PDB file of N, CA and C in Angstrom:
ATOM      1  N   MET A   1     -25.129  88.226   1.636  1.00  0.00           N
ATOM      2  CA  MET A   1     -25.186  86.886   2.196  1.00  0.00           C
ATOM      3  C   MET A   1     -23.768  86.335   2.267  1.00  0.00           C
ATOM      4  N   PRO A   2     -23.345  85.828   3.423  1.00  0.00           N
ATOM      5  CA  PRO A   2     -21.978  85.308   3.559  1.00  0.00           C
ATOM      6  C   PRO A   2     -21.829  83.995   2.803  1.00  0.00           C
ATOM      7  N   PRO A   3     -20.606  83.706   2.358  1.00  0.00           N
ATOM      8  CA  PRO A   3     -20.365  82.438   1.641  1.00  0.00           C
ATOM      9  C   PRO A   3     -20.524  81.271   2.614  1.00  0.00           C
ATOM     10  N   PRO A   4     -20.840  80.085   2.083  1.00  0.00           N
ATOM     11  CA  PRO A   4     -20.970  78.910   2.960  1.00  0.00           C
ATOM     12  C   PRO A   4     -19.627  78.569   3.581  1.00  0.00           C
ATOM     13  N   PRO A   5     -19.638  78.007   4.779  1.00  0.00           N
ATOM     14  CA  PRO A   5     -18.377  77.658   5.424  1.00  0.00           C
ATOM     15  C   PRO A   5     -17.653  76.577   4.641  1.00  0.00           C
ATOM     16  N   ARG A   6     -16.311  76.662   4.635  1.00  0.00           N
ATOM     17  CA  ARG A   6     -15.497  75.656   3.961  1.00  0.00           C
ATOM     18  C   ARG A   6     -15.487  74.371   4.772  1.00  0.00           C
ATOM     19  N   ALA A   7     -15.424  73.285   4.097  1.00  0.00           N
ATOM     20  CA  ALA A   7     -15.327  71.992   4.775  1.00  0.00           C
ATOM     21  C   ALA A   7     -13.914  71.838   5.318  1.00  0.00           C
ATOM     22  N   SER A   8     -13.820  71.504   6.570  1.00  0.00           N
ATOM     23  CA  SER A   8     -12.499  71.303   7.156  1.00  0.00           C
ATOM     24  C   SER A   8     -11.949  69.950   6.727  1.00  0.00           C
ATOM     25  N   ARG A   9     -10.653  69.761   6.908  1.00  0.00           N
ATOM     26  CA  ARG A   9     -10.054  68.469   6.568  1.00  0.00           C
ATOM     27  C   ARG A   9     -10.659  67.357   7.394  1.00  0.00           C
ATOM     28  N   LYS A  10     -10.950  67.673   8.649  1.00  0.00           N
ATOM     29  CA  LYS A  10     -11.533  66.663   9.526  1.00  0.00           C
ATOM     30  C   LYS A  10     -12.872  66.196   8.975  1.00  0.00           C
ATOM     31  N   ASN A  11     -13.720  67.144   8.558  1.00  0.00           N
ATOM     32  CA  ASN A  11     -15.034  66.778   8.025  1.00  0.00           C
ATOM     33  C   ASN A  11     -14.921  66.006   6.721  1.00  0.00           C
ATOM     34  N   THR A  12     -13.965  66.383   5.886  1.00  0.00           N
ATOM     35  CA  THR A  12     -13.791  65.672   4.621  1.00  0.00           C
ATOM     36  C   THR A  12     -13.354  64.236   4.872  1.00  0.00           C
ATOM     37  N   ALA A  13     -12.393  64.050   5.774  1.00  0.00           N
ATOM     38  CA  ALA A  13     -11.939  62.694   6.108  1.00  0.00           C
ATOM     39  C   ALA A  13     -13.061  61.902   6.763  1.00  0.00           C
ATOM     40  N   GLU A  14     -13.848  62.558   7.598  1.00  0.00           N
ATOM     41  CA  GLU A  14     -14.954  61.881   8.264  1.00  0.00           C
ATOM     42  C   GLU A  14     -16.007  61.440   7.248  1.00  0.00           C
ATOM     43  N   ALA A  15     -16.272  62.296   6.254  1.00  0.00           N
ATOM     44  CA  ALA A  15     -17.248  61.938   5.217  1.00  0.00           C
ATOM     45  C   ALA A  15     -16.762  60.728   4.429  1.00  0.00           C
ATOM     46  N   ARG A  16     -15.447  60.670   4.154  1.00  0.00           N
ATOM     47  CA  ARG A  16     -14.897  59.518   3.442  1.00  0.00           C
ATOM     48  C   ARG A  16     -15.073  58.244   4.246  1.00  0.00           C
ATOM     49  N   ARG A  17     -14.845  58.332   5.543  1.00  0.00           N
ATOM     50  CA  ARG A  17     -14.994  57.152   6.408  1.00  0.00           C
ATOM     51  C   ARG A  17     -16.447  56.705   6.484  1.00  0.00           C
ATOM     52  N   LYS A  18     -17.366  57.646   6.370  1.00  0.00           N
ATOM     53  CA  LYS A  18     -18.782  57.309   6.487  1.00  0.00           C
ATOM     54  C   LYS A  18     -19.365  56.788   5.186  1.00  0.00           C
ATOM     55  N   GLY A  19     -18.542  56.636   4.182  1.00  0.00           N
ATOM     56  CA  GLY A  19     -19.040  56.017   2.952  1.00  0.00           C
ATOM     57  C   GLY A  19     -19.267  56.980   1.816  1.00  0.00           C
ATOM     58  N   ALA A  20     -18.668  58.160   1.854  1.00  0.00           N
ATOM     59  CA  ALA A  20     -18.780  59.062   0.722  1.00  0.00           C
ATOM     60  C   ALA A  20     -18.179  58.365  -0.491  1.00  0.00           C
ATOM     61  N   PRO A  21     -18.747  58.567  -1.681  1.00  0.00           N
ATOM     62  CA  PRO A  21     -18.277  57.839  -2.857  1.00  0.00           C
ATOM     63  C   PRO A  21     -16.814  58.132  -3.174  1.00  0.00           C
ATOM     64  N   ASP A  22     -16.078  57.104  -3.438  1.00  0.00           N
ATOM     65  CA  ASP A  22     -14.693  57.199  -3.854  1.00  0.00           C
ATOM     66  C   ASP A  22     -14.548  56.244  -5.027  1.00  0.00           C
ATOM     67  N   SER A  23     -14.281  56.782  -6.202  1.00  0.00           N
ATOM     68  CA  SER A  23     -14.321  55.959  -7.413  1.00  0.00           C
ATOM     69  C   SER A  23     -13.351  54.780  -7.365  1.00  0.00           C
ATOM     70  N   GLU A  24     -12.178  54.949  -6.775  1.00  0.00           N
ATOM     71  CA  GLU A  24     -11.226  53.831  -6.701  1.00  0.00           C
ATOM     72  C   GLU A  24     -11.722  52.743  -5.756  1.00  0.00           C
ATOM     73  N   ALA A  25     -12.270  53.130  -4.621  1.00  0.00           N
ATOM     74  CA  ALA A  25     -12.721  52.142  -3.640  1.00  0.00           C
ATOM     75  C   ALA A  25     -13.942  51.377  -4.154  1.00  0.00           C
ATOM     76  N   ARG A  26     -14.742  51.992  -5.034  1.00  0.00           N
ATOM     77  CA  ARG A  26     -15.949  51.332  -5.536  1.00  0.00           C
ATOM     78  C   ARG A  26     -15.708  50.500  -6.789  1.00  0.00           C
ATOM     79  N   ARG A  27     -14.578  50.681  -7.433  1.00  0.00           N
ATOM     80  CA  ARG A  27     -14.301  49.959  -8.663  1.00  0.00           C
ATOM     81  C   ARG A  27     -14.199  48.465  -8.380  1.00  0.00           C
ATOM     82  N   LEU A  28     -14.896  47.664  -9.164  1.00  0.00           N
ATOM     83  CA  LEU A  28     -14.878  46.219  -8.968  1.00  0.00           C
ATOM     84  C   LEU A  28     -13.734  45.588  -9.744  1.00  0.00           C
ATOM     85  N   ILE A  29     -13.074  44.646  -9.096  1.00  0.00           N
ATOM     86  CA  ILE A  29     -11.906  43.984  -9.664  1.00  0.00           C
ATOM     87  C   ILE A  29     -12.104  42.482  -9.581  1.00  0.00           C
ATOM     88  N   ARG A  30     -11.786  41.785 -10.666  1.00  0.00           N
ATOM     89  CA  ARG A  30     -11.871  40.329 -10.677  1.00  0.00           C
ATOM     90  C   ARG A  30     -10.531  39.763 -10.214  1.00  0.00           C
ATOM     91  N   LEU A  31     -10.612  38.881  -9.233  1.00  0.00           N
ATOM     92  CA  LEU A  31      -9.399  38.296  -8.680  1.00  0.00           C
ATOM     93  C   LEU A  31      -9.123  36.922  -9.286  1.00  0.00           C
ATOM     94  N   ASP A  32      -7.905  36.492  -9.146  1.00  0.00           N
ATOM     95  CA  ASP A  32      -7.504  35.142  -9.530  1.00  0.00           C
ATOM     96  C   ASP A  32      -7.828  34.242  -8.341  1.00  0.00           C
ATOM     97  N   GLY A  33      -8.958  33.574  -8.395  1.00  0.00           N
ATOM     98  CA  GLY A  33      -9.424  32.751  -7.290  1.00  0.00           C
ATOM     99  C   GLY A  33      -8.453  31.656  -6.901  1.00  0.00           C
ATOM    100  N   LEU A  34      -7.764  31.085  -7.902  1.00  0.00           N
ATOM    101  CA  LEU A  34      -6.797  30.023  -7.597  1.00  0.00           C
ATOM    102  C   LEU A  34      -5.596  30.569  -6.826  1.00  0.00           C
ATOM    103  N   ALA A  35      -5.188  31.796  -7.131  1.00  0.00           N
ATOM    104  CA  ALA A  35      -4.073  32.408  -6.396  1.00  0.00           C
ATOM    105  C   ALA A  35      -4.474  32.658  -4.944  1.00  0.00           C
ATOM    106  N   VAL A  36      -5.708  33.121  -4.739  1.00  0.00           N
ATOM    107  CA  VAL A  36      -6.191  33.352  -3.373  1.00  0.00           C
ATOM    108  C   VAL A  36      -6.226  32.031  -2.612  1.00  0.00           C
ATOM    109  N   ARG A  37      -6.782  31.001  -3.235  1.00  0.00           N
ATOM    110  CA  ARG A  37      -6.868  29.694  -2.582  1.00  0.00           C
ATOM    111  C   ARG A  37      -5.480  29.113  -2.304  1.00  0.00           C
ATOM    112  N   ARG A  38      -4.566  29.253  -3.259  1.00  0.00           N
ATOM    113  CA  ARG A  38      -3.211  28.722  -3.076  1.00  0.00           C
ATOM    114  C   ARG A  38      -2.515  29.402  -1.897  1.00  0.00           C
ATOM    115  N   LEU A  39      -2.621  30.724  -1.792  1.00  0.00           N
ATOM    116  CA  LEU A  39      -2.000  31.442  -0.681  1.00  0.00           C
ATOM    117  C   LEU A  39      -2.627  31.038   0.653  1.00  0.00           C
ATOM    118  N   ARG A  40      -3.928  30.849   0.650  1.00  0.00           N
ATOM    119  CA  ARG A  40      -4.623  30.424   1.879  1.00  0.00           C
ATOM    120  C   ARG A  40      -4.173  29.020   2.275  1.00  0.00           C
ATOM    121  N   HIS A  41      -4.114  28.116   1.326  1.00  0.00           N
ATOM    122  CA  HIS A  41      -3.699  26.728   1.600  1.00  0.00           C
ATOM    123  C   HIS A  41      -2.234  26.653   2.026  1.00  0.00           C
ATOM    124  N   ASP A  42      -1.384  27.504   1.427  1.00  0.00           N
ATOM    125  CA  ASP A  42       0.033  27.521   1.805  1.00  0.00           C
ATOM    126  C   ASP A  42       0.210  27.832   3.288  1.00  0.00           C
ATOM    127  N   ARG A  43      -0.722  28.577   3.838  1.00  0.00           N
ATOM    128  CA  ARG A  43      -0.659  28.934   5.259  1.00  0.00           C
ATOM    129  C   ARG A  43      -1.410  27.924   6.132  1.00  0.00           C
ATOM    130  N   GLY A  44      -2.079  26.966   5.486  1.00  0.00           N
ATOM    131  CA  GLY A  44      -2.833  25.961   6.224  1.00  0.00           C
ATOM    132  C   GLY A  44      -4.104  26.511   6.862  1.00  0.00           C
ATOM    133  N   TRP A  45      -4.690  27.535   6.225  1.00  0.00           N
ATOM    134  CA  TRP A  45      -5.862  28.206   6.788  1.00  0.00           C
ATOM    135  C   TRP A  45      -7.151  27.739   6.130  1.00  0.00           C
ATOM    136  N   SER A  46      -8.198  27.691   6.928  1.00  0.00           N
ATOM    137  CA  SER A  46      -9.555  27.538   6.404  1.00  0.00           C
ATOM    138  C   SER A  46     -10.036  28.939   6.016  1.00  0.00           C
ATOM    139  N   PRO A  47     -11.173  29.038   5.315  1.00  0.00           N
ATOM    140  CA  PRO A  47     -11.707  30.372   5.027  1.00  0.00           C
ATOM    141  C   PRO A  47     -11.941  31.186   6.305  1.00  0.00           C
ATOM    142  N   ARG A  48     -12.384  30.539   7.375  1.00  0.00           N
ATOM    143  CA  ARG A  48     -12.600  31.262   8.639  1.00  0.00           C
ATOM    144  C   ARG A  48     -11.287  31.743   9.251  1.00  0.00           C
ATOM    145  N   ASP A  49     -10.221  30.974   9.082  1.00  0.00           N
ATOM    146  CA  ASP A  49      -8.904  31.422   9.551  1.00  0.00           C
ATOM    147  C   ASP A  49      -8.472  32.673   8.785  1.00  0.00           C
ATOM    148  N   LEU A  50      -8.742  32.696   7.480  1.00  0.00           N
ATOM    149  CA  LEU A  50      -8.410  33.865   6.676  1.00  0.00           C
ATOM    150  C   LEU A  50      -9.224  35.077   7.119  1.00  0.00           C
ATOM    151  N   VAL A  51     -10.493  34.872   7.427  1.00  0.00           N
ATOM    152  CA  VAL A  51     -11.339  35.962   7.934  1.00  0.00           C
ATOM    153  C   VAL A  51     -10.712  36.559   9.192  1.00  0.00           C
ATOM    154  N   ALA A  52     -10.270  35.704  10.103  1.00  0.00           N
ATOM    155  CA  ALA A  52      -9.645  36.168  11.348  1.00  0.00           C
ATOM    156  C   ALA A  52      -8.333  36.899  11.056  1.00  0.00           C
ATOM    157  N   ALA A  53      -7.542  36.404  10.098  1.00  0.00           N
ATOM    158  CA  ALA A  53      -6.274  37.052   9.755  1.00  0.00           C
ATOM    159  C   ALA A  53      -6.507  38.427   9.134  1.00  0.00           C
ATOM    160  N   ILE A  54      -7.546  38.555   8.317  1.00  0.00           N
ATOM    161  CA  ILE A  54      -7.885  39.848   7.711  1.00  0.00           C
ATOM    162  C   ILE A  54      -8.281  40.839   8.799  1.00  0.00           C
ATOM    163  N   GLU A  55      -9.131  40.391   9.721  1.00  0.00           N
ATOM    164  CA  GLU A  55      -9.572  41.268  10.801  1.00  0.00           C
ATOM    165  C   GLU A  55      -8.392  41.711  11.658  1.00  0.00           C
ATOM    166  N   GLU A  56      -7.498  40.795  11.982  1.00  0.00           N
ATOM    167  CA  GLU A  56      -6.335  41.127  12.805  1.00  0.00           C
ATOM    168  C   GLU A  56      -5.410  42.109  12.086  1.00  0.00           C
ATOM    169  N   ALA A  57      -5.155  41.880  10.795  1.00  0.00           N
ATOM    170  CA  ALA A  57      -4.285  42.782  10.031  1.00  0.00           C
ATOM    171  C   ALA A  57      -4.899  44.176   9.939  1.00  0.00           C
ATOM    172  N   CYS A  58      -6.198  44.256   9.729  1.00  0.00           N
ATOM    173  CA  CYS A  58      -6.880  45.542   9.647  1.00  0.00           C
ATOM    174  C   CYS A  58      -6.834  46.261  10.992  1.00  0.00           C
ATOM    175  N   PHE A  59      -7.079  45.523  12.064  1.00  0.00           N
ATOM    176  CA  PHE A  59      -7.057  46.115  13.398  1.00  0.00           C
ATOM    177  C   PHE A  59      -5.657  46.629  13.736  1.00  0.00           C
ATOM    178  N   ASN A  60      -4.632  45.851  13.412  1.00  0.00           N
ATOM    179  CA  ASN A  60      -3.255  46.280  13.678  1.00  0.00           C
ATOM    180  C   ASN A  60      -2.874  47.516  12.873  1.00  0.00           C
ATOM    181  N   ALA A  61      -3.380  47.634  11.653  1.00  0.00           N
ATOM    182  CA  ALA A  61      -3.027  48.755  10.781  1.00  0.00           C
ATOM    183  C   ALA A  61      -3.817  50.020  11.086  1.00  0.00           C
ATOM    184  N   SER A  62      -5.097  49.858  11.426  1.00  0.00           N
ATOM    185  CA  SER A  62      -5.949  51.047  11.541  1.00  0.00           C
ATOM    186  C   SER A  62      -6.720  51.166  12.841  1.00  0.00           C
ATOM    187  N   GLY A  63      -6.762  50.109  13.625  1.00  0.00           N
ATOM    188  CA  GLY A  63      -7.568  50.142  14.842  1.00  0.00           C
ATOM    189  C   GLY A  63      -9.032  49.827  14.589  1.00  0.00           C
ATOM    190  N   LEU A  64      -9.378  49.525  13.341  1.00  0.00           N
ATOM    191  CA  LEU A  64     -10.757  49.181  12.979  1.00  0.00           C
ATOM    192  C   LEU A  64     -10.880  47.676  12.816  1.00  0.00           C
ATOM    193  N   ARG A  65     -12.024  47.150  13.167  1.00  0.00           N
ATOM    194  CA  ARG A  65     -12.285  45.714  13.007  1.00  0.00           C
ATOM    195  C   ARG A  65     -13.129  45.510  11.754  1.00  0.00           C
ATOM    196  N   ARG A  66     -12.442  45.325  10.624  1.00  0.00           N
ATOM    197  CA  ARG A  66     -13.106  45.072   9.347  1.00  0.00           C
ATOM    198  C   ARG A  66     -12.582  43.766   8.795  1.00  0.00           C
ATOM    199  N   THR A  67     -13.430  43.050   8.094  1.00  0.00           N
ATOM    200  CA  THR A  67     -13.009  41.798   7.485  1.00  0.00           C
ATOM    201  C   THR A  67     -13.947  41.463   6.338  1.00  0.00           C
ATOM    202  N   LEU A  68     -13.724  40.331   5.717  1.00  0.00           N
ATOM    203  CA  LEU A  68     -14.595  39.795   4.672  1.00  0.00           C
ATOM    204  C   LEU A  68     -15.313  38.588   5.250  1.00  0.00           C
ATOM    205  N   THR A  69     -16.374  38.153   4.601  1.00  0.00           N
ATOM    206  CA  THR A  69     -17.104  36.984   5.080  1.00  0.00           C
ATOM    207  C   THR A  69     -16.536  35.712   4.455  1.00  0.00           C
ATOM    208  N   PRO A  70     -16.701  34.581   5.128  1.00  0.00           N
ATOM    209  CA  PRO A  70     -16.268  33.312   4.520  1.00  0.00           C
ATOM    210  C   PRO A  70     -16.972  33.043   3.190  1.00  0.00           C
ATOM    211  N   ASN A  71     -18.235  33.438   3.072  1.00  0.00           N
ATOM    212  CA  ASN A  71     -18.967  33.235   1.813  1.00  0.00           C
ATOM    213  C   ASN A  71     -18.350  34.034   0.675  1.00  0.00           C
ATOM    214  N   LEU A  72     -17.912  35.275   0.955  1.00  0.00           N
ATOM    215  CA  LEU A  72     -17.284  36.085  -0.083  1.00  0.00           C
ATOM    216  C   LEU A  72     -15.950  35.461  -0.489  1.00  0.00           C
ATOM    217  N   ILE A  73     -15.195  34.987   0.463  1.00  0.00           N
ATOM    218  CA  ILE A  73     -13.910  34.343   0.150  1.00  0.00           C
ATOM    219  C   ILE A  73     -14.141  33.106  -0.717  1.00  0.00           C
ATOM    220  N   GLN A  74     -15.153  32.325  -0.388  1.00  0.00           N
ATOM    221  CA  GLN A  74     -15.484  31.146  -1.185  1.00  0.00           C
ATOM    222  C   GLN A  74     -15.891  31.558  -2.603  1.00  0.00           C
ATOM    223  N   SER A  75     -16.671  32.624  -2.728  1.00  0.00           N
ATOM    224  CA  SER A  75     -17.088  33.108  -4.051  1.00  0.00           C
ATOM    225  C   SER A  75     -15.902  33.588  -4.873  1.00  0.00           C
ATOM    226  N   ILE A  76     -14.952  34.230  -4.227  1.00  0.00           N
ATOM    227  CA  ILE A  76     -13.744  34.683  -4.923  1.00  0.00           C
ATOM    228  C   ILE A  76     -12.965  33.483  -5.446  1.00  0.00           C
ATOM    229  N   GLU A  77     -12.785  32.482  -4.598  1.00  0.00           N
ATOM    230  CA  GLU A  77     -11.986  31.314  -4.967  1.00  0.00           C
ATOM    231  C   GLU A  77     -12.664  30.442  -6.014  1.00  0.00           C
ATOM    232  N   GLU A  78     -13.965  30.301  -5.939  1.00  0.00           N
ATOM    233  CA  GLU A  78     -14.652  29.336  -6.805  1.00  0.00           C
ATOM    234  C   GLU A  78     -15.319  29.946  -8.029  1.00  0.00           C
ATOM    235  N   ARG A  79     -15.767  31.194  -7.927  1.00  0.00           N
ATOM    236  CA  ARG A  79     -16.543  31.776  -9.022  1.00  0.00           C
ATOM    237  C   ARG A  79     -15.995  33.102  -9.517  1.00  0.00           C
ATOM    238  N   ALA A  80     -14.757  33.424  -9.167  1.00  0.00           N
ATOM    239  CA  ALA A  80     -14.114  34.661  -9.609  1.00  0.00           C
ATOM    240  C   ALA A  80     -15.000  35.881  -9.322  1.00  0.00           C
ATOM    241  N   GLU A  81     -15.561  35.925  -8.148  1.00  0.00           N
ATOM    242  CA  GLU A  81     -16.399  37.051  -7.721  1.00  0.00           C
ATOM    243  C   GLU A  81     -15.603  38.349  -7.792  1.00  0.00           C
ATOM    244  N   GLN A  82     -16.229  39.396  -8.280  1.00  0.00           N
ATOM    245  CA  GLN A  82     -15.581  40.699  -8.310  1.00  0.00           C
ATOM    246  C   GLN A  82     -15.749  41.372  -6.952  1.00  0.00           C
ATOM    247  N   ILE A  83     -14.693  42.051  -6.510  1.00  0.00           N
ATOM    248  CA  ILE A  83     -14.758  42.771  -5.245  1.00  0.00           C
ATOM    249  C   ILE A  83     -14.230  44.179  -5.451  1.00  0.00           C
ATOM    250  N   SER A  84     -14.512  45.042  -4.492  1.00  0.00           N
ATOM    251  CA  SER A  84     -14.046  46.420  -4.589  1.00  0.00           C
ATOM    252  C   SER A  84     -12.550  46.492  -4.295  1.00  0.00           C
ATOM    253  N   TYR A  85     -11.968  47.588  -4.698  1.00  0.00           N
ATOM    254  CA  TYR A  85     -10.540  47.811  -4.453  1.00  0.00           C
ATOM    255  C   TYR A  85     -10.250  47.802  -2.955  1.00  0.00           C
ATOM    256  N   ASP A  86     -11.148  48.383  -2.183  1.00  0.00           N
ATOM    257  CA  ASP A  86     -10.998  48.416  -0.732  1.00  0.00           C
ATOM    258  C   ASP A  86     -10.969  46.995  -0.153  1.00  0.00           C
ATOM    259  N   GLU A  87     -11.855  46.134  -0.650  1.00  0.00           N
ATOM    260  CA  GLU A  87     -11.876  44.737  -0.190  1.00  0.00           C
ATOM    261  C   GLU A  87     -10.625  43.986  -0.635  1.00  0.00           C
ATOM    262  N   LEU A  88     -10.125  44.320  -1.819  1.00  0.00           N
ATOM    263  CA  LEU A  88      -8.877  43.722  -2.301  1.00  0.00           C
ATOM    264  C   LEU A  88      -7.735  44.027  -1.332  1.00  0.00           C
ATOM    265  N   LEU A  89      -7.671  45.274  -0.869  1.00  0.00           N
ATOM    266  CA  LEU A  89      -6.618  45.654   0.066  1.00  0.00           C
ATOM    267  C   LEU A  89      -6.746  44.900   1.386  1.00  0.00           C
ATOM    268  N   LEU A  90      -7.983  44.717   1.862  1.00  0.00           N
ATOM    269  CA  LEU A  90      -8.196  43.936   3.082  1.00  0.00           C
ATOM    270  C   LEU A  90      -7.688  42.501   2.901  1.00  0.00           C
ATOM    271  N   LEU A  91      -8.061  41.886   1.791  1.00  0.00           N
ATOM    272  CA  LEU A  91      -7.670  40.505   1.523  1.00  0.00           C
ATOM    273  C   LEU A  91      -6.149  40.375   1.417  1.00  0.00           C
ATOM    274  N   ALA A  92      -5.521  41.302   0.709  1.00  0.00           N
ATOM    275  CA  ALA A  92      -4.061  41.257   0.562  1.00  0.00           C
ATOM    276  C   ALA A  92      -3.365  41.438   1.912  1.00  0.00           C
ATOM    277  N   ASP A  93      -3.889  42.311   2.758  1.00  0.00           N
ATOM    278  CA  ASP A  93      -3.300  42.489   4.093  1.00  0.00           C
ATOM    279  C   ASP A  93      -3.428  41.208   4.913  1.00  0.00           C
ATOM    280  N   GLY A  94      -4.577  40.549   4.823  1.00  0.00           N
ATOM    281  CA  GLY A  94      -4.782  39.310   5.568  1.00  0.00           C
ATOM    282  C   GLY A  94      -3.858  38.203   5.109  1.00  0.00           C
ATOM    283  N   LEU A  95      -3.577  38.174   3.808  1.00  0.00           N
ATOM    284  CA  LEU A  95      -2.689  37.149   3.252  1.00  0.00           C
ATOM    285  C   LEU A  95      -1.227  37.594   3.266  1.00  0.00           C
ATOM    286  N   ALA A  96      -0.977  38.818   3.710  1.00  0.00           N
ATOM    287  CA  ALA A  96       0.377  39.385   3.759  1.00  0.00           C
ATOM    288  C   ALA A  96       1.074  39.282   2.403  1.00  0.00           C
ATOM    289  N   CYS A  97       0.368  39.748   1.370  1.00  0.00           N
ATOM    290  CA  CYS A  97       0.938  39.723   0.027  1.00  0.00           C
ATOM    291  C   CYS A  97       0.643  41.047  -0.666  1.00  0.00           C
ATOM    292  N   ASP A  98       1.214  41.214  -1.822  1.00  0.00           N
ATOM    293  CA  ASP A  98       0.953  42.400  -2.627  1.00  0.00           C
ATOM    294  C   ASP A  98      -0.415  42.230  -3.302  1.00  0.00           C
ATOM    295  N   PRO A  99      -1.243  43.276  -3.326  1.00  0.00           N
ATOM    296  CA  PRO A  99      -2.557  43.146  -3.970  1.00  0.00           C
ATOM    297  C   PRO A  99      -2.474  42.701  -5.431  1.00  0.00           C
ATOM    298  N   SER A 100      -1.422  43.085  -6.117  1.00  0.00           N
ATOM    299  CA  SER A 100      -1.300  42.702  -7.526  1.00  0.00           C
ATOM    300  C   SER A 100      -1.126  41.198  -7.704  1.00  0.00           C
ATOM    301  N   ASP A 101      -0.703  40.494  -6.652  1.00  0.00           N
ATOM    302  CA  ASP A 101      -0.571  39.042  -6.729  1.00  0.00           C
ATOM    303  C   ASP A 101      -1.923  38.341  -6.792  1.00  0.00           C
ATOM    304  N   LEU A 102      -2.982  39.045  -6.442  1.00  0.00           N
ATOM    305  CA  LEU A 102      -4.310  38.438  -6.373  1.00  0.00           C
ATOM    306  C   LEU A 102      -5.195  38.769  -7.566  1.00  0.00           C
ATOM    307  N   ILE A 103      -4.789  39.722  -8.376  1.00  0.00           N
ATOM    308  CA  ILE A 103      -5.625  40.195  -9.482  1.00  0.00           C
ATOM    309  C   ILE A 103      -5.512  39.255 -10.666  1.00  0.00           C
ATOM    310  N   ALA A 104      -6.652  38.967 -11.290  1.00  0.00           N
ATOM    311  CA  ALA A 104      -6.673  38.095 -12.468  1.00  0.00           C
ATOM    312  C   ALA A 104      -5.882  38.743 -13.595  1.00  0.00           C
ATOM    313  N   GLU A 105      -5.205  37.929 -14.374  1.00  0.00           N
ATOM    314  CA  GLU A 105      -4.381  38.431 -15.471  1.00  0.00           C
ATOM    315  C   GLU A 105      -5.214  39.261 -16.428  1.00  0.00           C
ATOM    316  N   GLY A 106      -4.716  40.444 -16.748  1.00  0.00           N
ATOM    317  CA  GLY A 106      -5.390  41.326 -17.696  1.00  0.00           C
ATOM    318  C   GLY A 106      -6.497  42.158 -17.099  1.00  0.00           C
ATOM    319  N   GLU A 107      -6.841  41.982 -15.838  1.00  0.00           N
ATOM    320  CA  GLU A 107      -7.966  42.687 -15.241  1.00  0.00           C
ATOM    321  C   GLU A 107      -7.748  44.195 -15.202  1.00  0.00           C
ATOM    322  N   LEU A 108      -6.559  44.644 -14.911  1.00  0.00           N
ATOM    323  CA  LEU A 108      -6.305  46.081 -14.815  1.00  0.00           C
ATOM    324  C   LEU A 108      -5.546  46.618 -16.023  1.00  0.00           C
ATOM    325  N   SER A 109      -5.530  45.860 -17.085  1.00  0.00           N
ATOM    326  CA  SER A 109      -4.840  46.304 -18.288  1.00  0.00           C
ATOM    327  C   SER A 109      -5.540  47.516 -18.882  1.00  0.00           C
ATOM    328  N   SER A 110      -4.766  48.477 -19.338  1.00  0.00           N
ATOM    329  CA  SER A 110      -5.347  49.671 -19.950  1.00  0.00           C
ATOM    330  C   SER A 110      -5.692  49.420 -21.409  1.00  0.00           C
ATOM    331  N   ARG A 111      -5.201  48.307 -21.963  1.00  0.00           N
ATOM    332  CA  ARG A 111      -5.461  47.958 -23.351  1.00  0.00           C
ATOM    333  C   ARG A 111      -6.803  47.259 -23.480  1.00  0.00           C
ATOM    334  N   ARG A 112      -7.575  47.670 -24.433  1.00  0.00           N
ATOM    335  CA  ARG A 112      -8.884  47.048 -24.665  1.00  0.00           C
ATOM    336  C   ARG A 112      -8.693  45.677 -25.297  1.00  0.00           C
ATOM    337  N   PRO A 113      -9.580  44.720 -24.977  1.00  0.00           N
ATOM    338  CA  PRO A 113      -9.463  43.394 -25.580  1.00  0.00           C
ATOM    339  C   PRO A 113      -9.634  43.464 -27.092  1.00  0.00           C
ATOM    340  N   ASP A 114      -8.900  42.612 -27.784  1.00  0.00           N
ATOM    341  CA  ASP A 114      -8.933  42.556 -29.232  1.00  0.00           C
ATOM    342  C   ASP A 114     -10.108  41.688 -29.671  1.00  0.00           C
ATOM    343  N   HIS A 115     -10.961  42.238 -30.529  1.00  0.00           N
ATOM    344  CA  HIS A 115     -12.154  41.499 -30.978  1.00  0.00           C
ATOM    345  C   HIS A 115     -12.012  41.095 -32.449  1.00  0.00           C
ATOM    346  N   ARG A 116     -11.014  40.304 -32.731  1.00  0.00           N
ATOM    347  CA  ARG A 116     -10.820  39.825 -34.100  1.00  0.00           C
ATOM    348  C   ARG A 116     -11.593  38.554 -34.315  1.00  0.00           C
ATOM    349  N   LEU A 117     -12.065  38.362 -35.534  1.00  0.00           N
ATOM    350  CA  LEU A 117     -12.769  37.126 -35.872  1.00  0.00           C
ATOM    351  C   LEU A 117     -11.807  36.064 -36.385  1.00  0.00           C
ATOM    352  N   HIS A 118     -10.617  36.445 -36.821  1.00  0.00           N
ATOM    353  CA  HIS A 118      -9.659  35.501 -37.392  1.00  0.00           C
ATOM    354  C   HIS A 118      -8.429  35.456 -36.559  1.00  0.00           C
TER     355      HIS A 118
END
């Protein structure tokens, strides 16, 4: 019996685009909602303006029309909603900032929180 055919690079990349699991892209990250809101306000944008800026930045970078919803942006700003790493990159591109500027302090720290009683 012949061995199964090897997956070509094209098929592997295509599978990734179609939603194959990627642990980094699925990891949820808590953002600093006030930093997101401050950057949005500094530009004089409404949440819908930010949605349009995200879509435009994504289209210019990749040719794809992807964005976030105004409701998700509101949840990030008001309730520290967690989002995926992929969504973080979209948001940072729309705001033209470094993704690390949007992450809540200590969120990506490798050190475990200290659980002292005193």
